[in-house]
Amino acid sequence: MSDSSNAVKIHILDKEYLVACPKEEQDALLQSARYLNERMTDIRESGKVVGIDRIAVMTALNMAHDIIASGDSDIDSCGDRIRLLNSRIGEALDKYKLAGLN
């Protein structure tokens, strides 16, 4: 981790993850994590989708649909940011699994 990044704790579906994030992006990461947690919680509570992997995929599909349906002219930029956040979350999940915390 570089000097410009710190580990930030985020909570998604009652689990805690550490995500490396530059200080200037920490507020945006925390806001994104809260939004993701709310959307995933809504899907879990609907009772129609079982399993965290399926909940995550359904949430991602719904969020992607919302972006596309919004007609955002800067969709490529949004896609790049989503891929970056997805990569960071994937890295955190990998570390979480390696630590045997699942």
C-alpha atoms as a PDB file:
ATOM      1  CA  MET A   1       0.000   0.000   0.000  1.00  0.00           C
ATOM      2  CA  SER A   2       1.378   3.413  -0.903  1.00  0.00           C
ATOM      3  CA  ASP A   3       1.495   6.464   1.315  1.00  0.00           C
ATOM      4  CA  SER A   4      -1.484   7.930  -0.531  1.00  0.00           C
ATOM      5  CA  SER A   5      -3.718   4.936   0.301  1.00  0.00           C
ATOM      6  CA  ASN A   6      -5.206   3.718   3.535  1.00  0.00           C
ATOM      7  CA  ALA A   7      -7.268   0.682   4.357  1.00  0.00           C
ATOM      8  CA  VAL A   8     -10.901   1.648   4.787  1.00  0.00           C
ATOM      9  CA  LYS A   9     -13.404  -0.590   6.561  1.00  0.00           C
ATOM     10  CA  ILE A  10     -16.636  -1.076   4.688  1.00  0.00           C
ATOM     11  CA  HIS A  11     -19.628  -3.161   5.716  1.00  0.00           C
ATOM     12  CA  ILE A  12     -21.695  -5.108   3.217  1.00  0.00           C
ATOM     13  CA  LEU A  13     -24.384  -7.575   4.290  1.00  0.00           C
ATOM     14  CA  ASP A  14     -23.131  -7.770   7.867  1.00  0.00           C
ATOM     15  CA  LYS A  15     -19.539  -8.467   6.811  1.00  0.00           C
ATOM     16  CA  GLU A  16     -16.566  -6.175   7.154  1.00  0.00           C
ATOM     17  CA  TYR A  17     -14.027  -5.665   4.385  1.00  0.00           C
ATOM     18  CA  LEU A  18     -10.811  -3.670   4.253  1.00  0.00           C
ATOM     19  CA  VAL A  19     -10.336  -1.837   0.969  1.00  0.00           C
ATOM     20  CA  ALA A  20      -7.218   0.112  -0.012  1.00  0.00           C
ATOM     21  CA  CYS A  21      -8.252   3.578  -1.123  1.00  0.00           C
ATOM     22  CA  PRO A  22      -6.518   6.925  -1.621  1.00  0.00           C
ATOM     23  CA  LYS A  23      -7.474   9.404   1.097  1.00  0.00           C
ATOM     24  CA  GLU A  24      -9.136  11.752  -1.370  1.00  0.00           C
ATOM     25  CA  GLU A  25     -11.516   8.973  -2.504  1.00  0.00           C
ATOM     26  CA  GLN A  26     -12.444   7.560   0.912  1.00  0.00           C
ATOM     27  CA  ASP A  27     -15.697   9.489   1.285  1.00  0.00           C
ATOM     28  CA  ALA A  28     -16.841   8.341  -2.146  1.00  0.00           C
ATOM     29  CA  LEU A  29     -15.907   4.739  -1.303  1.00  0.00           C
ATOM     30  CA  LEU A  30     -17.852   4.840   1.963  1.00  0.00           C
ATOM     31  CA  GLN A  31     -20.862   6.362   0.225  1.00  0.00           C
ATOM     32  CA  SER A  32     -20.650   3.711  -2.508  1.00  0.00           C
ATOM     33  CA  ALA A  33     -20.398   0.933   0.087  1.00  0.00           C
ATOM     34  CA  ARG A  34     -23.469   2.252   1.921  1.00  0.00           C
ATOM     35  CA  TYR A  35     -25.414   2.407  -1.336  1.00  0.00           C
ATOM     36  CA  LEU A  36     -24.318  -1.100  -2.342  1.00  0.00           C
ATOM     37  CA  ASN A  37     -25.178  -2.465   1.090  1.00  0.00           C
ATOM     38  CA  GLU A  38     -28.656  -0.908   0.917  1.00  0.00           C
ATOM     39  CA  ARG A  39     -29.321  -2.334  -2.542  1.00  0.00           C
ATOM     40  CA  MET A  40     -28.023  -5.808  -1.602  1.00  0.00           C
ATOM     41  CA  THR A  41     -30.008  -5.768   1.643  1.00  0.00           C
ATOM     42  CA  ASP A  42     -33.179  -4.884  -0.285  1.00  0.00           C
ATOM     43  CA  ILE A  43     -32.648  -7.844  -2.611  1.00  0.00           C
ATOM     44  CA  ARG A  44     -31.844 -10.219   0.265  1.00  0.00           C
ATOM     45  CA  GLU A  45     -34.927  -9.098   2.202  1.00  0.00           C
ATOM     46  CA  SER A  46     -37.169  -9.622  -0.826  1.00  0.00           C
ATOM     47  CA  GLY A  47     -36.593 -13.350  -0.285  1.00  0.00           C
ATOM     48  CA  LYS A  48     -36.545 -13.973  -4.030  1.00  0.00           C
ATOM     49  CA  VAL A  49     -32.766 -14.401  -4.294  1.00  0.00           C
ATOM     50  CA  VAL A  50     -30.739 -16.744  -2.088  1.00  0.00           C
ATOM     51  CA  GLY A  51     -26.965 -16.754  -1.666  1.00  0.00           C
ATOM     52  CA  ILE A  52     -24.566 -13.850  -1.458  1.00  0.00           C
ATOM     53  CA  ASP A  53     -23.127 -14.488  -4.936  1.00  0.00           C
ATOM     54  CA  ARG A  54     -26.560 -14.350  -6.545  1.00  0.00           C
ATOM     55  CA  ILE A  55     -27.509 -11.287  -4.504  1.00  0.00           C
ATOM     56  CA  ALA A  56     -24.314  -9.550  -5.671  1.00  0.00           C
ATOM     57  CA  VAL A  57     -24.963 -10.425  -9.317  1.00  0.00           C
ATOM     58  CA  MET A  58     -28.586  -9.277  -9.187  1.00  0.00           C
ATOM     59  CA  THR A  59     -27.533  -6.042  -7.501  1.00  0.00           C
ATOM     60  CA  ALA A  60     -24.857  -5.431 -10.133  1.00  0.00           C
ATOM     61  CA  LEU A  61     -27.344  -6.097 -12.932  1.00  0.00           C
ATOM     62  CA  ASN A  62     -29.878  -3.722 -11.402  1.00  0.00           C
ATOM     63  CA  MET A  63     -27.272  -1.004 -10.936  1.00  0.00           C
ATOM     64  CA  ALA A  64     -25.966  -1.449 -14.502  1.00  0.00           C
ATOM     65  CA  HIS A  65     -29.532  -1.240 -15.796  1.00  0.00           C
ATOM     66  CA  ASP A  66     -30.096   1.969 -13.819  1.00  0.00           C
ATOM     67  CA  ILE A  67     -26.968   3.519 -15.332  1.00  0.00           C
ATOM     68  CA  ILE A  68     -27.912   2.542 -18.877  1.00  0.00           C
ATOM     69  CA  ALA A  69     -31.552   3.587 -18.428  1.00  0.00           C
ATOM     70  CA  SER A  70     -30.461   6.991 -17.124  1.00  0.00           C
ATOM     71  CA  GLY A  71     -29.091   7.781 -20.578  1.00  0.00           C
ATOM     72  CA  ASP A  72     -25.846   8.984 -19.033  1.00  0.00           C
ATOM     73  CA  SER A  73     -23.765  10.339 -21.901  1.00  0.00           C
ATOM     74  CA  ASP A  74     -20.601   9.513 -19.977  1.00  0.00           C
ATOM     75  CA  ILE A  75     -21.389   5.811 -19.604  1.00  0.00           C
ATOM     76  CA  ASP A  76     -17.840   4.735 -20.504  1.00  0.00           C
ATOM     77  CA  SER A  77     -16.504   6.742 -17.576  1.00  0.00           C
ATOM     78  CA  CYS A  78     -19.104   5.198 -15.266  1.00  0.00           C
ATOM     79  CA  GLY A  79     -18.131   1.751 -16.525  1.00  0.00           C
ATOM     80  CA  ASP A  80     -14.473   2.455 -15.842  1.00  0.00           C
ATOM     81  CA  ARG A  81     -15.254   3.571 -12.290  1.00  0.00           C
ATOM     82  CA  ILE A  82     -17.452   0.517 -11.695  1.00  0.00           C
ATOM     83  CA  ARG A  83     -14.692  -1.787 -12.977  1.00  0.00           C
ATOM     84  CA  LEU A  84     -12.157  -0.079 -10.677  1.00  0.00           C
ATOM     85  CA  LEU A  85     -14.435  -0.392  -7.640  1.00  0.00           C
ATOM     86  CA  ASN A  86     -15.252  -3.985  -8.572  1.00  0.00           C
ATOM     87  CA  SER A  87     -11.546  -4.753  -8.749  1.00  0.00           C
ATOM     88  CA  ARG A  88     -10.933  -3.201  -5.327  1.00  0.00           C
ATOM     89  CA  ILE A  89     -13.816  -5.113  -3.799  1.00  0.00           C
ATOM     90  CA  GLY A  90     -12.585  -8.329  -5.442  1.00  0.00           C
ATOM     91  CA  GLU A  91      -9.134  -7.808  -3.945  1.00  0.00           C
ATOM     92  CA  ALA A  92     -10.645  -7.221  -0.511  1.00  0.00           C
ATOM     93  CA  LEU A  93     -12.775 -10.361  -0.824  1.00  0.00           C
ATOM     94  CA  ASP A  94      -9.728 -12.392  -1.864  1.00  0.00           C
ATOM     95  CA  LYS A  95      -7.783 -11.192   1.176  1.00  0.00           C
ATOM     96  CA  TYR A  96     -10.797 -11.917   3.349  1.00  0.00           C
ATOM     97  CA  LYS A  97     -11.004 -15.486   2.032  1.00  0.00           C
ATOM     98  CA  LEU A  98      -7.246 -16.056   2.358  1.00  0.00           C
ATOM     99  CA  ALA A  99      -7.398 -14.950   5.965  1.00  0.00           C
ATOM    100  CA  GLY A 100     -10.036 -17.625   6.582  1.00  0.00           C
ATOM    101  CA  LEU A 101     -12.577 -15.088   7.777  1.00  0.00           C
ATOM    102  CA  ASN A 102     -15.477 -16.305   5.629  1.00  0.00           C
END
